[in-house]
Amino acid sequence: MTDEAAEYHYLWDSSEEGWVVLRTKAALGTIFNTNTHMALIIEDNAVYAPQVGGTPIP
């Protein structure tokens, strides 16, 4: 895991509740918090894709 990817470990380690991936046909997925109703934007595709279970887009 890269340092950048490790920065988002809290999404899936249960230290913060409510994080889910909303899947659509148009995109890999949107990282969304069901408690705060906020989406998380990760601008680096190489870091984003593994967080949503996809492969990086070149």
PDB file of N, CA and C in Angstrom:
ATOM      1  N   MET A   1       0.854  -1.177   0.000  1.00  0.00           N
ATOM      2  CA  MET A   1       0.000   0.000   0.000  1.00  0.00           C
ATOM      3  C   MET A   1       0.896   1.235   0.000  1.00  0.00           C
ATOM      4  N   THR A   2       0.637   2.150  -0.909  1.00  0.00           N
ATOM      5  CA  THR A   2       1.428   3.372  -0.965  1.00  0.00           C
ATOM      6  C   THR A   2       1.034   4.298   0.176  1.00  0.00           C
ATOM      7  N   ASP A   3       1.874   5.283   0.442  1.00  0.00           N
ATOM      8  CA  ASP A   3       1.551   6.255   1.485  1.00  0.00           C
ATOM      9  C   ASP A   3       0.250   6.982   1.162  1.00  0.00           C
ATOM     10  N   GLU A   4       0.043   7.290  -0.139  1.00  0.00           N
ATOM     11  CA  GLU A   4      -1.186   7.986  -0.537  1.00  0.00           C
ATOM     12  C   GLU A   4      -2.404   7.108  -0.293  1.00  0.00           C
ATOM     13  N   ALA A   5      -2.318   5.828  -0.630  1.00  0.00           N
ATOM     14  CA  ALA A   5      -3.431   4.911  -0.416  1.00  0.00           C
ATOM     15  C   ALA A   5      -3.672   4.700   1.077  1.00  0.00           C
ATOM     16  N   ALA A   6      -2.604   4.646   1.854  1.00  0.00           N
ATOM     17  CA  ALA A   6      -2.723   4.458   3.300  1.00  0.00           C
ATOM     18  C   ALA A   6      -3.476   5.613   3.950  1.00  0.00           C
ATOM     19  N   GLU A   7      -3.418   6.775   3.330  1.00  0.00           N
ATOM     20  CA  GLU A   7      -4.116   7.953   3.840  1.00  0.00           C
ATOM     21  C   GLU A   7      -5.630   7.703   3.930  1.00  0.00           C
ATOM     22  N   TYR A   8      -6.139   6.800   3.104  1.00  0.00           N
ATOM     23  CA  TYR A   8      -7.577   6.524   3.062  1.00  0.00           C
ATOM     24  C   TYR A   8      -7.965   5.217   3.755  1.00  0.00           C
ATOM     25  N   HIS A   9      -7.051   4.644   4.515  1.00  0.00           N
ATOM     26  CA  HIS A   9      -7.323   3.386   5.213  1.00  0.00           C
ATOM     27  C   HIS A   9      -8.531   3.510   6.150  1.00  0.00           C
ATOM     28  N   TYR A  10      -8.732   4.687   6.718  1.00  0.00           N
ATOM     29  CA  TYR A  10      -9.837   4.904   7.665  1.00  0.00           C
ATOM     30  C   TYR A  10     -11.201   4.623   7.037  1.00  0.00           C
ATOM     31  N   LEU A  11     -11.277   4.690   5.706  1.00  0.00           N
ATOM     32  CA  LEU A  11     -12.563   4.443   5.049  1.00  0.00           C
ATOM     33  C   LEU A  11     -13.088   3.043   5.322  1.00  0.00           C
ATOM     34  N   TRP A  12     -12.174   2.077   5.393  1.00  0.00           N
ATOM     35  CA  TRP A  12     -12.600   0.682   5.436  1.00  0.00           C
ATOM     36  C   TRP A  12     -12.173  -0.047   6.704  1.00  0.00           C
ATOM     37  N   ASP A  13     -11.495   0.613   7.634  1.00  0.00           N
ATOM     38  CA  ASP A  13     -11.042  -0.097   8.842  1.00  0.00           C
ATOM     39  C   ASP A  13     -11.989   0.080  10.026  1.00  0.00           C
ATOM     40  N   SER A  14     -13.152   0.638   9.798  1.00  0.00           N
ATOM     41  CA  SER A  14     -14.198   0.842  10.815  1.00  0.00           C
ATOM     42  C   SER A  14     -13.873   1.929  11.826  1.00  0.00           C
ATOM     43  N   SER A  15     -12.808   2.695  11.608  1.00  0.00           N
ATOM     44  CA  SER A  15     -12.514   3.777  12.545  1.00  0.00           C
ATOM     45  C   SER A  15     -13.465   4.953  12.338  1.00  0.00           C
ATOM     46  N   GLU A  16     -14.040   5.073  11.140  1.00  0.00           N
ATOM     47  CA  GLU A  16     -15.091   6.056  10.862  1.00  0.00           C
ATOM     48  C   GLU A  16     -16.254   5.316  10.215  1.00  0.00           C
ATOM     49  N   GLU A  17     -17.414   5.429  10.786  1.00  0.00           N
ATOM     50  CA  GLU A  17     -18.577   4.709  10.276  1.00  0.00           C
ATOM     51  C   GLU A  17     -19.231   5.422   9.102  1.00  0.00           C
ATOM     52  N   GLY A  18     -19.923   4.647   8.293  1.00  0.00           N
ATOM     53  CA  GLY A  18     -20.788   5.206   7.275  1.00  0.00           C
ATOM     54  C   GLY A  18     -20.244   5.233   5.866  1.00  0.00           C
ATOM     55  N   TRP A  19     -18.978   4.859   5.661  1.00  0.00           N
ATOM     56  CA  TRP A  19     -18.406   4.940   4.316  1.00  0.00           C
ATOM     57  C   TRP A  19     -18.850   3.758   3.460  1.00  0.00           C
ATOM     58  N   VAL A  20     -19.328   4.052   2.263  1.00  0.00           N
ATOM     59  CA  VAL A  20     -19.765   3.048   1.305  1.00  0.00           C
ATOM     60  C   VAL A  20     -19.321   3.484  -0.090  1.00  0.00           C
ATOM     61  N   VAL A  21     -19.372   2.546  -1.032  1.00  0.00           N
ATOM     62  CA  VAL A  21     -19.126   2.871  -2.435  1.00  0.00           C
ATOM     63  C   VAL A  21     -20.442   2.717  -3.172  1.00  0.00           C
ATOM     64  N   LEU A  22     -20.908   3.796  -3.780  1.00  0.00           N
ATOM     65  CA  LEU A  22     -22.116   3.761  -4.598  1.00  0.00           C
ATOM     66  C   LEU A  22     -21.691   3.445  -6.020  1.00  0.00           C
ATOM     67  N   ARG A  23     -22.197   2.343  -6.551  1.00  0.00           N
ATOM     68  CA  ARG A  23     -21.808   1.900  -7.889  1.00  0.00           C
ATOM     69  C   ARG A  23     -22.823   2.360  -8.929  1.00  0.00           C
ATOM     70  N   THR A  24     -22.312   2.775 -10.092  1.00  0.00           N
ATOM     71  CA  THR A  24     -23.163   3.154 -11.211  1.00  0.00           C
ATOM     72  C   THR A  24     -22.563   2.575 -12.485  1.00  0.00           C
ATOM     73  N   LYS A  25     -23.321   2.589 -13.551  1.00  0.00           N
ATOM     74  CA  LYS A  25     -22.806   2.131 -14.837  1.00  0.00           C
ATOM     75  C   LYS A  25     -21.848   3.154 -15.446  1.00  0.00           C
ATOM     76  N   ALA A  26     -21.947   4.400 -15.013  1.00  0.00           N
ATOM     77  CA  ALA A  26     -21.158   5.485 -15.606  1.00  0.00           C
ATOM     78  C   ALA A  26     -19.767   5.645 -15.003  1.00  0.00           C
ATOM     79  N   ALA A  27     -19.514   5.076 -13.824  1.00  0.00           N
ATOM     80  CA  ALA A  27     -18.234   5.293 -13.152  1.00  0.00           C
ATOM     81  C   ALA A  27     -17.868   4.087 -12.305  1.00  0.00           C
ATOM     82  N   LEU A  28     -16.613   4.057 -11.852  1.00  0.00           N
ATOM     83  CA  LEU A  28     -16.174   2.972 -10.978  1.00  0.00           C
ATOM     84  C   LEU A  28     -16.997   2.951  -9.692  1.00  0.00           C
ATOM     85  N   GLY A  29     -17.282   4.116  -9.163  1.00  0.00           N
ATOM     86  CA  GLY A  29     -18.047   4.222  -7.932  1.00  0.00           C
ATOM     87  C   GLY A  29     -17.776   5.541  -7.246  1.00  0.00           C
ATOM     88  N   THR A  30     -18.698   5.932  -6.397  1.00  0.00           N
ATOM     89  CA  THR A  30     -18.557   7.160  -5.624  1.00  0.00           C
ATOM     90  C   THR A  30     -18.405   6.777  -4.164  1.00  0.00           C
ATOM     91  N   ILE A  31     -17.373   7.290  -3.519  1.00  0.00           N
ATOM     92  CA  ILE A  31     -17.172   7.048  -2.093  1.00  0.00           C
ATOM     93  C   ILE A  31     -18.056   8.044  -1.354  1.00  0.00           C
ATOM     94  N   PHE A  32     -18.972   7.523  -0.538  1.00  0.00           N
ATOM     95  CA  PHE A  32     -20.004   8.346   0.082  1.00  0.00           C
ATOM     96  C   PHE A  32     -20.137   7.979   1.549  1.00  0.00           C
ATOM     97  N   ASN A  33     -20.381   8.977   2.400  1.00  0.00           N
ATOM     98  CA  ASN A  33     -20.613   8.720   3.812  1.00  0.00           C
ATOM     99  C   ASN A  33     -22.100   8.857   4.088  1.00  0.00           C
ATOM    100  N   THR A  34     -22.713   7.773   4.532  1.00  0.00           N
ATOM    101  CA  THR A  34     -24.154   7.750   4.777  1.00  0.00           C
ATOM    102  C   THR A  34     -24.542   8.530   6.032  1.00  0.00           C
ATOM    103  N   ASN A  35     -23.582   8.807   6.902  1.00  0.00           N
ATOM    104  CA  ASN A  35     -23.876   9.574   8.116  1.00  0.00           C
ATOM    105  C   ASN A  35     -23.863  11.080   7.850  1.00  0.00           C
ATOM    106  N   THR A  36     -22.870  11.526   7.078  1.00  0.00           N
ATOM    107  CA  THR A  36     -22.715  12.961   6.831  1.00  0.00           C
ATOM    108  C   THR A  36     -23.313  13.413   5.501  1.00  0.00           C
ATOM    109  N   HIS A  37     -23.674  12.449   4.651  1.00  0.00           N
ATOM    110  CA  HIS A  37     -24.205  12.719   3.314  1.00  0.00           C
ATOM    111  C   HIS A  37     -23.219  13.504   2.459  1.00  0.00           C
ATOM    112  N   MET A  38     -21.937  13.194   2.633  1.00  0.00           N
ATOM    113  CA  MET A  38     -20.871  13.852   1.878  1.00  0.00           C
ATOM    114  C   MET A  38     -20.146  12.816   1.025  1.00  0.00           C
ATOM    115  N   ALA A  39     -19.755  13.238  -0.179  1.00  0.00           N
ATOM    116  CA  ALA A  39     -18.951  12.399  -1.060  1.00  0.00           C
ATOM    117  C   ALA A  39     -17.486  12.761  -0.862  1.00  0.00           C
ATOM    118  N   LEU A  40     -16.608  11.778  -1.063  1.00  0.00           N
ATOM    119  CA  LEU A  40     -15.171  12.000  -0.965  1.00  0.00           C
ATOM    120  C   LEU A  40     -14.598  11.992  -2.370  1.00  0.00           C
ATOM    121  N   ILE A  41     -13.845  13.023  -2.701  1.00  0.00           N
ATOM    122  CA  ILE A  41     -13.221  13.117  -4.017  1.00  0.00           C
ATOM    123  C   ILE A  41     -11.729  12.838  -3.859  1.00  0.00           C
ATOM    124  N   ILE A  42     -11.248  11.840  -4.599  1.00  0.00           N
ATOM    125  CA  ILE A  42      -9.819  11.532  -4.654  1.00  0.00           C
ATOM    126  C   ILE A  42      -9.406  11.808  -6.089  1.00  0.00           C
ATOM    127  N   GLU A  43      -8.588  12.812  -6.297  1.00  0.00           N
ATOM    128  CA  GLU A  43      -8.265  13.265  -7.646  1.00  0.00           C
ATOM    129  C   GLU A  43      -7.254  12.381  -8.371  1.00  0.00           C
ATOM    130  N   ASP A  44      -6.445  11.637  -7.651  1.00  0.00           N
ATOM    131  CA  ASP A  44      -5.436  10.779  -8.264  1.00  0.00           C
ATOM    132  C   ASP A  44      -6.062   9.416  -8.568  1.00  0.00           C
ATOM    133  N   ASN A  45      -6.243   9.102  -9.850  1.00  0.00           N
ATOM    134  CA  ASN A  45      -6.882   7.848 -10.245  1.00  0.00           C
ATOM    135  C   ASN A  45      -6.154   6.618  -9.722  1.00  0.00           C
ATOM    136  N   ALA A  46      -4.833   6.684  -9.618  1.00  0.00           N
ATOM    137  CA  ALA A  46      -4.065   5.547  -9.122  1.00  0.00           C
ATOM    138  C   ALA A  46      -4.354   5.266  -7.650  1.00  0.00           C
ATOM    139  N   VAL A  47      -4.738   6.267  -6.901  1.00  0.00           N
ATOM    140  CA  VAL A  47      -5.105   6.101  -5.491  1.00  0.00           C
ATOM    141  C   VAL A  47      -6.592   5.800  -5.366  1.00  0.00           C
ATOM    142  N   TYR A  48      -7.410   6.458  -6.174  1.00  0.00           N
ATOM    143  CA  TYR A  48      -8.869   6.307  -6.122  1.00  0.00           C
ATOM    144  C   TYR A  48      -9.337   4.897  -6.484  1.00  0.00           C
ATOM    145  N   ALA A  49      -8.854   4.369  -7.596  1.00  0.00           N
ATOM    146  CA  ALA A  49      -9.358   3.101  -8.120  1.00  0.00           C
ATOM    147  C   ALA A  49      -9.280   1.957  -7.104  1.00  0.00           C
ATOM    148  N   PRO A  50      -8.162   1.752  -6.423  1.00  0.00           N
ATOM    149  CA  PRO A  50      -8.131   0.666  -5.435  1.00  0.00           C
ATOM    150  C   PRO A  50      -9.118   0.868  -4.278  1.00  0.00           C
ATOM    151  N   GLN A  51      -9.444   2.104  -3.954  1.00  0.00           N
ATOM    152  CA  GLN A  51     -10.383   2.374  -2.868  1.00  0.00           C
ATOM    153  C   GLN A  51     -11.798   1.923  -3.216  1.00  0.00           C
ATOM    154  N   VAL A  52     -12.122   1.932  -4.497  1.00  0.00           N
ATOM    155  CA  VAL A  52     -13.467   1.537  -4.924  1.00  0.00           C
ATOM    156  C   VAL A  52     -13.482   0.155  -5.579  1.00  0.00           C
ATOM    157  N   GLY A  53     -12.339  -0.534  -5.522  1.00  0.00           N
ATOM    158  CA  GLY A  53     -12.278  -1.894  -6.038  1.00  0.00           C
ATOM    159  C   GLY A  53     -12.092  -1.977  -7.540  1.00  0.00           C
ATOM    160  N   GLY A  54     -11.542  -0.939  -8.146  1.00  0.00           N
ATOM    161  CA  GLY A  54     -11.331  -0.929  -9.588  1.00  0.00           C
ATOM    162  C   GLY A  54      -9.860  -0.875  -9.944  1.00  0.00           C
ATOM    163  N   THR A  55      -9.589  -0.740 -11.219  1.00  0.00           N
ATOM    164  CA  THR A  55      -8.218  -0.594 -11.669  1.00  0.00           C
ATOM    165  C   THR A  55      -8.001   0.843 -12.123  1.00  0.00           C
ATOM    166  N   PRO A  56      -6.796   1.367 -11.952  1.00  0.00           N
ATOM    167  CA  PRO A  56      -6.534   2.750 -12.330  1.00  0.00           C
ATOM    168  C   PRO A  56      -6.797   3.025 -13.806  1.00  0.00           C
ATOM    169  N   ILE A  57      -7.338   4.184 -14.081  1.00  0.00           N
ATOM    170  CA  ILE A  57      -7.566   4.625 -15.459  1.00  0.00           C
ATOM    171  C   ILE A  57      -6.326   5.390 -15.880  1.00  0.00           C
ATOM    172  N   PRO A  58      -5.703   4.992 -16.986  1.00  0.00           N
ATOM    173  CA  PRO A  58      -4.468   5.692 -17.402  1.00  0.00           C
ATOM    174  C   PRO A  58      -4.697   7.143 -17.745  1.00  0.00           C
TER     175      PRO A  58
END
